[in-house]
Amino acid sequence: MTQFSRGSSQSVAVRLDRGLDSVLRWLSILCLAILTLLVSALVVVRFFPIISLGWADEIVELAFAWMVFLGTAAIWRSQEHITIDFIPQALAGTRAGQGLGVLLGLLALGFLLVFTWQGWLLTVQARGNTSPMLELPRPWWYASVPVSGVVMIGYTIARIVKAFRRPHVKQ
């Protein structure tokens, strides 16, 4: 039986993190490509009604929902979202900065727990409903909310733990 050293388990975590980042970004890009193609086709078909694309609206909605929420999780992971960070930067390296990091992480965690729970409830409530044209299960649309929420909760917990461990320099 193989035992993992601390270093190898960290490298597994890093590989999983990078893999998750890649999946989040590529699925968001795929959804954007689908949106671009279908919306362009819908515009063309309105001017030149060669075929009916009534079904395309449902795929556009589905791709848009997943693009938004997977993209949000990817941005949350890399902390590329818009933030007002004047105070955290001013307090960086201090005990107050460490406390502020933990507080902000806990506030974000509270929001994300409610967000994920409500997304889960919405997904469960949609069971049995289907889309009108393609008859796809409606929970597919809403599942993007709890999936992205779980990812963001994981990264938020990791940030809180990191903020606790980060040594402060100044008083």
C-alpha atoms as a PDB file:
ATOM      1  CA  MET A   1       0.000   0.000   0.000  1.00  0.00           C
ATOM      2  CA  THR A   2       1.375   3.380  -1.003  1.00  0.00           C
ATOM      3  CA  GLN A   3       1.455   6.138   1.561  1.00  0.00           C
ATOM      4  CA  PHE A   4       1.479   9.755   0.492  1.00  0.00           C
ATOM      5  CA  SER A   5       3.854  12.187   2.082  1.00  0.00           C
ATOM      6  CA  ARG A   6       2.658  15.659   2.930  1.00  0.00           C
ATOM      7  CA  GLY A   7       4.384  17.055  -0.175  1.00  0.00           C
ATOM      8  CA  SER A   8       2.712  14.600  -2.545  1.00  0.00           C
ATOM      9  CA  SER A   9      -0.753  15.237  -1.085  1.00  0.00           C
ATOM     10  CA  GLN A  10      -0.209  18.957  -1.620  1.00  0.00           C
ATOM     11  CA  SER A  11       0.808  18.332  -5.209  1.00  0.00           C
ATOM     12  CA  VAL A  12      -2.358  16.261  -5.702  1.00  0.00           C
ATOM     13  CA  ALA A  13      -4.391  19.165  -4.300  1.00  0.00           C
ATOM     14  CA  VAL A  14      -2.599  21.582  -6.620  1.00  0.00           C
ATOM     15  CA  ARG A  15      -3.275  19.320  -9.612  1.00  0.00           C
ATOM     16  CA  LEU A  16      -6.945  18.995  -8.636  1.00  0.00           C
ATOM     17  CA  ASP A  17      -7.177  22.773  -8.245  1.00  0.00           C
ATOM     18  CA  ARG A  18      -5.626  23.362 -11.654  1.00  0.00           C
ATOM     19  CA  GLY A  19      -7.848  20.703 -13.199  1.00  0.00           C
ATOM     20  CA  LEU A  20     -10.965  22.259 -11.691  1.00  0.00           C
ATOM     21  CA  ASP A  21      -9.861  25.672 -12.931  1.00  0.00           C
ATOM     22  CA  SER A  22      -9.383  24.272 -16.416  1.00  0.00           C
ATOM     23  CA  VAL A  23     -12.792  22.568 -16.387  1.00  0.00           C
ATOM     24  CA  LEU A  24     -14.546  25.718 -15.155  1.00  0.00           C
ATOM     25  CA  ARG A  25     -12.894  27.947 -17.732  1.00  0.00           C
ATOM     26  CA  TRP A  26     -13.278  25.595 -20.699  1.00  0.00           C
ATOM     27  CA  LEU A  27     -16.914  24.844 -19.964  1.00  0.00           C
ATOM     28  CA  SER A  28     -17.565  28.585 -19.694  1.00  0.00           C
ATOM     29  CA  ILE A  29     -15.817  29.119 -23.034  1.00  0.00           C
ATOM     30  CA  LEU A  30     -17.820  26.277 -24.600  1.00  0.00           C
ATOM     31  CA  CYS A  31     -21.066  27.822 -23.358  1.00  0.00           C
ATOM     32  CA  LEU A  32     -20.013  31.194 -24.773  1.00  0.00           C
ATOM     33  CA  ALA A  33     -19.230  29.597 -28.139  1.00  0.00           C
ATOM     34  CA  ILE A  34     -22.631  27.886 -28.171  1.00  0.00           C
ATOM     35  CA  LEU A  35     -24.305  31.184 -27.288  1.00  0.00           C
ATOM     36  CA  THR A  36     -22.450  33.024 -30.026  1.00  0.00           C
ATOM     37  CA  LEU A  37     -23.297  30.460 -32.692  1.00  0.00           C
ATOM     38  CA  LEU A  38     -26.947  30.059 -31.774  1.00  0.00           C
ATOM     39  CA  VAL A  39     -27.693  33.743 -31.268  1.00  0.00           C
ATOM     40  CA  SER A  40     -25.980  34.536 -34.584  1.00  0.00           C
ATOM     41  CA  ALA A  41     -28.007  31.812 -36.283  1.00  0.00           C
ATOM     42  CA  LEU A  42     -31.206  33.155 -34.720  1.00  0.00           C
ATOM     43  CA  VAL A  43     -30.465  36.632 -36.060  1.00  0.00           C
ATOM     44  CA  VAL A  44     -29.755  35.298 -39.561  1.00  0.00           C
ATOM     45  CA  VAL A  45     -32.901  33.151 -39.552  1.00  0.00           C
ATOM     46  CA  ARG A  46     -35.026  36.183 -38.655  1.00  0.00           C
ATOM     47  CA  PHE A  47     -33.882  37.933 -41.825  1.00  0.00           C
ATOM     48  CA  PHE A  48     -33.773  34.813 -43.994  1.00  0.00           C
ATOM     49  CA  PRO A  49     -36.371  32.365 -42.653  1.00  0.00           C
ATOM     50  CA  ILE A  50     -34.905  29.212 -44.167  1.00  0.00           C
ATOM     51  CA  ILE A  51     -35.461  26.926 -41.176  1.00  0.00           C
ATOM     52  CA  SER A  52     -37.117  27.093 -37.791  1.00  0.00           C
ATOM     53  CA  LEU A  53     -34.861  27.435 -34.772  1.00  0.00           C
ATOM     54  CA  GLY A  54     -37.545  27.550 -32.090  1.00  0.00           C
ATOM     55  CA  TRP A  55     -35.620  25.004 -30.061  1.00  0.00           C
ATOM     56  CA  ALA A  56     -32.490  27.186 -29.996  1.00  0.00           C
ATOM     57  CA  ASP A  57     -33.895  29.581 -27.383  1.00  0.00           C
ATOM     58  CA  GLU A  58     -33.870  26.785 -24.813  1.00  0.00           C
ATOM     59  CA  ILE A  59     -30.245  25.913 -25.517  1.00  0.00           C
ATOM     60  CA  VAL A  60     -29.328  29.619 -25.354  1.00  0.00           C
ATOM     61  CA  GLU A  61     -30.942  29.872 -21.894  1.00  0.00           C
ATOM     62  CA  LEU A  62     -29.199  26.713 -20.703  1.00  0.00           C
ATOM     63  CA  ALA A  63     -25.776  27.747 -22.040  1.00  0.00           C
ATOM     64  CA  PHE A  64     -26.165  31.244 -20.604  1.00  0.00           C
ATOM     65  CA  ALA A  65     -27.006  29.965 -17.117  1.00  0.00           C
ATOM     66  CA  TRP A  66     -24.042  27.584 -17.040  1.00  0.00           C
ATOM     67  CA  MET A  67     -21.660  30.130 -18.564  1.00  0.00           C
ATOM     68  CA  VAL A  68     -22.561  32.750 -15.953  1.00  0.00           C
ATOM     69  CA  PHE A  69     -22.316  30.511 -12.908  1.00  0.00           C
ATOM     70  CA  LEU A  70     -19.302  28.424 -13.963  1.00  0.00           C
ATOM     71  CA  GLY A  71     -17.551  31.618 -15.027  1.00  0.00           C
ATOM     72  CA  THR A  72     -18.353  33.167 -11.669  1.00  0.00           C
ATOM     73  CA  ALA A  73     -16.857  30.166  -9.875  1.00  0.00           C
ATOM     74  CA  ALA A  74     -13.717  30.377 -12.038  1.00  0.00           C
ATOM     75  CA  ILE A  75     -13.341  34.076 -11.290  1.00  0.00           C
ATOM     76  CA  TRP A  76     -13.985  33.453  -7.579  1.00  0.00           C
ATOM     77  CA  ARG A  77     -11.262  30.803  -7.566  1.00  0.00           C
ATOM     78  CA  SER A  78      -8.641  33.133  -8.985  1.00  0.00           C
ATOM     79  CA  GLN A  79      -9.912  36.230  -7.137  1.00  0.00           C
ATOM     80  CA  GLU A  80     -10.297  38.136 -10.405  1.00  0.00           C
ATOM     81  CA  HIS A  81     -13.700  39.554  -9.464  1.00  0.00           C
ATOM     82  CA  ILE A  82     -14.144  43.246  -8.845  1.00  0.00           C
ATOM     83  CA  THR A  83     -13.306  44.192  -5.272  1.00  0.00           C
ATOM     84  CA  ILE A  84     -12.703  47.333  -3.288  1.00  0.00           C
ATOM     85  CA  ASP A  85      -9.439  46.432  -1.638  1.00  0.00           C
ATOM     86  CA  PHE A  86      -8.083  49.712  -0.308  1.00  0.00           C
ATOM     87  CA  ILE A  87      -8.536  48.739   3.331  1.00  0.00           C
ATOM     88  CA  PRO A  88      -7.273  45.126   2.994  1.00  0.00           C
ATOM     89  CA  GLN A  89      -4.177  46.404   1.166  1.00  0.00           C
ATOM     90  CA  ALA A  90      -3.582  49.098   3.779  1.00  0.00           C
ATOM     91  CA  LEU A  91      -3.829  46.501   6.563  1.00  0.00           C
ATOM     92  CA  ALA A  92      -1.841  43.781   4.755  1.00  0.00           C
ATOM     93  CA  GLY A  93       0.670  42.054   6.988  1.00  0.00           C
ATOM     94  CA  THR A  94      -0.922  43.206  10.240  1.00  0.00           C
ATOM     95  CA  ARG A  95      -3.019  41.392  12.794  1.00  0.00           C
ATOM     96  CA  ALA A  96      -5.944  43.669  11.851  1.00  0.00           C
ATOM     97  CA  GLY A  97      -5.475  42.707   8.195  1.00  0.00           C
ATOM     98  CA  GLN A  98      -5.505  39.046   9.137  1.00  0.00           C
ATOM     99  CA  GLY A  99      -8.697  39.538  11.151  1.00  0.00           C
ATOM    100  CA  LEU A 100     -10.296  41.482   8.316  1.00  0.00           C
ATOM    101  CA  GLY A 101      -9.431  38.671   5.886  1.00  0.00           C
ATOM    102  CA  VAL A 102     -11.091  36.134   8.155  1.00  0.00           C
ATOM    103  CA  LEU A 103     -14.141  38.367   8.682  1.00  0.00           C
ATOM    104  CA  LEU A 104     -14.584  38.989   4.948  1.00  0.00           C
ATOM    105  CA  GLY A 105     -14.194  35.279   4.288  1.00  0.00           C
ATOM    106  CA  LEU A 106     -16.834  34.409   6.882  1.00  0.00           C
ATOM    107  CA  LEU A 107     -19.251  36.981   5.437  1.00  0.00           C
ATOM    108  CA  ALA A 108     -18.701  35.594   1.937  1.00  0.00           C
ATOM    109  CA  LEU A 109     -19.143  32.067   3.278  1.00  0.00           C
ATOM    110  CA  GLY A 110     -22.456  33.010   4.887  1.00  0.00           C
ATOM    111  CA  PHE A 111     -23.715  34.472   1.622  1.00  0.00           C
ATOM    112  CA  LEU A 112     -22.519  31.479  -0.390  1.00  0.00           C
ATOM    113  CA  LEU A 113     -24.193  29.009   1.963  1.00  0.00           C
ATOM    114  CA  VAL A 114     -27.546  30.784   1.511  1.00  0.00           C
ATOM    115  CA  PHE A 115     -26.943  31.126  -2.246  1.00  0.00           C
ATOM    116  CA  THR A 116     -26.122  27.427  -2.637  1.00  0.00           C
ATOM    117  CA  TRP A 117     -28.992  26.265  -0.438  1.00  0.00           C
ATOM    118  CA  GLN A 118     -31.542  28.397  -2.284  1.00  0.00           C
ATOM    119  CA  GLY A 119     -30.133  27.226  -5.622  1.00  0.00           C
ATOM    120  CA  TRP A 120     -30.491  23.641  -4.441  1.00  0.00           C
ATOM    121  CA  LEU A 121     -34.100  24.246  -3.389  1.00  0.00           C
ATOM    122  CA  LEU A 122     -34.857  25.826  -6.773  1.00  0.00           C
ATOM    123  CA  THR A 123     -33.306  22.845  -8.555  1.00  0.00           C
ATOM    124  CA  VAL A 124     -35.303  20.361  -6.492  1.00  0.00           C
ATOM    125  CA  GLN A 125     -38.539  22.317  -7.019  1.00  0.00           C
ATOM    126  CA  ALA A 126     -38.032  22.104 -10.781  1.00  0.00           C
ATOM    127  CA  ARG A 127     -38.066  18.287 -10.769  1.00  0.00           C
ATOM    128  CA  GLY A 128     -40.650  16.943 -13.146  1.00  0.00           C
ATOM    129  CA  ASN A 129     -40.708  20.118 -15.255  1.00  0.00           C
ATOM    130  CA  THR A 130     -39.375  20.055 -18.788  1.00  0.00           C
ATOM    131  CA  SER A 131     -38.630  22.646 -21.416  1.00  0.00           C
ATOM    132  CA  PRO A 132     -41.443  23.108 -23.956  1.00  0.00           C
ATOM    133  CA  MET A 133     -39.637  22.346 -27.228  1.00  0.00           C
ATOM    134  CA  LEU A 134     -36.856  19.872 -26.437  1.00  0.00           C
ATOM    135  CA  GLU A 135     -38.460  18.528 -23.263  1.00  0.00           C
ATOM    136  CA  LEU A 136     -35.167  18.747 -21.390  1.00  0.00           C
ATOM    137  CA  PRO A 137     -35.379  18.478 -17.593  1.00  0.00           C
ATOM    138  CA  ARG A 138     -35.657  21.991 -16.101  1.00  0.00           C
ATOM    139  CA  PRO A 139     -33.360  21.152 -13.175  1.00  0.00           C
ATOM    140  CA  TRP A 140     -30.483  21.232 -15.694  1.00  0.00           C
ATOM    141  CA  TRP A 141     -30.904  25.017 -15.862  1.00  0.00           C
ATOM    142  CA  TYR A 142     -30.992  25.556 -12.109  1.00  0.00           C
ATOM    143  CA  ALA A 143     -28.287  23.054 -11.160  1.00  0.00           C
ATOM    144  CA  SER A 144     -25.667  25.579 -12.249  1.00  0.00           C
ATOM    145  CA  VAL A 145     -26.395  27.610  -9.106  1.00  0.00           C
ATOM    146  CA  PRO A 146     -25.627  24.974  -6.436  1.00  0.00           C
ATOM    147  CA  VAL A 147     -22.734  23.529  -8.463  1.00  0.00           C
ATOM    148  CA  SER A 148     -21.006  26.904  -8.665  1.00  0.00           C
ATOM    149  CA  GLY A 149     -21.929  27.602  -5.040  1.00  0.00           C
ATOM    150  CA  VAL A 150     -20.221  24.440  -3.824  1.00  0.00           C
ATOM    151  CA  VAL A 151     -17.063  25.329  -5.743  1.00  0.00           C
ATOM    152  CA  MET A 152     -17.037  28.865  -4.352  1.00  0.00           C
ATOM    153  CA  ILE A 153     -17.674  27.580  -0.806  1.00  0.00           C
ATOM    154  CA  GLY A 154     -14.663  25.287  -1.117  1.00  0.00           C
ATOM    155  CA  TYR A 155     -12.384  28.106  -2.217  1.00  0.00           C
ATOM    156  CA  THR A 156     -13.757  30.451   0.443  1.00  0.00           C
ATOM    157  CA  ILE A 157     -13.046  27.921   3.196  1.00  0.00           C
ATOM    158  CA  ALA A 158      -9.516  27.490   1.826  1.00  0.00           C
ATOM    159  CA  ARG A 159      -9.022  31.280   1.929  1.00  0.00           C
ATOM    160  CA  ILE A 160     -10.274  31.497   5.508  1.00  0.00           C
ATOM    161  CA  VAL A 161      -7.888  28.736   6.585  1.00  0.00           C
ATOM    162  CA  LYS A 162      -5.058  30.476   4.727  1.00  0.00           C
ATOM    163  CA  ALA A 163      -5.896  33.791   6.434  1.00  0.00           C
ATOM    164  CA  PHE A 164      -5.703  32.076   9.846  1.00  0.00           C
ATOM    165  CA  ARG A 165      -2.329  30.545   9.017  1.00  0.00           C
ATOM    166  CA  ARG A 166      -0.805  33.653   7.451  1.00  0.00           C
ATOM    167  CA  PRO A 167       1.660  35.154   9.900  1.00  0.00           C
ATOM    168  CA  HIS A 168       1.278  38.828  10.595  1.00  0.00           C
ATOM    169  CA  VAL A 169       4.347  41.034  10.585  1.00  0.00           C
ATOM    170  CA  LYS A 170       3.327  44.402  12.013  1.00  0.00           C
ATOM    171  CA  GLN A 171       1.190  45.212  15.023  1.00  0.00           C
END
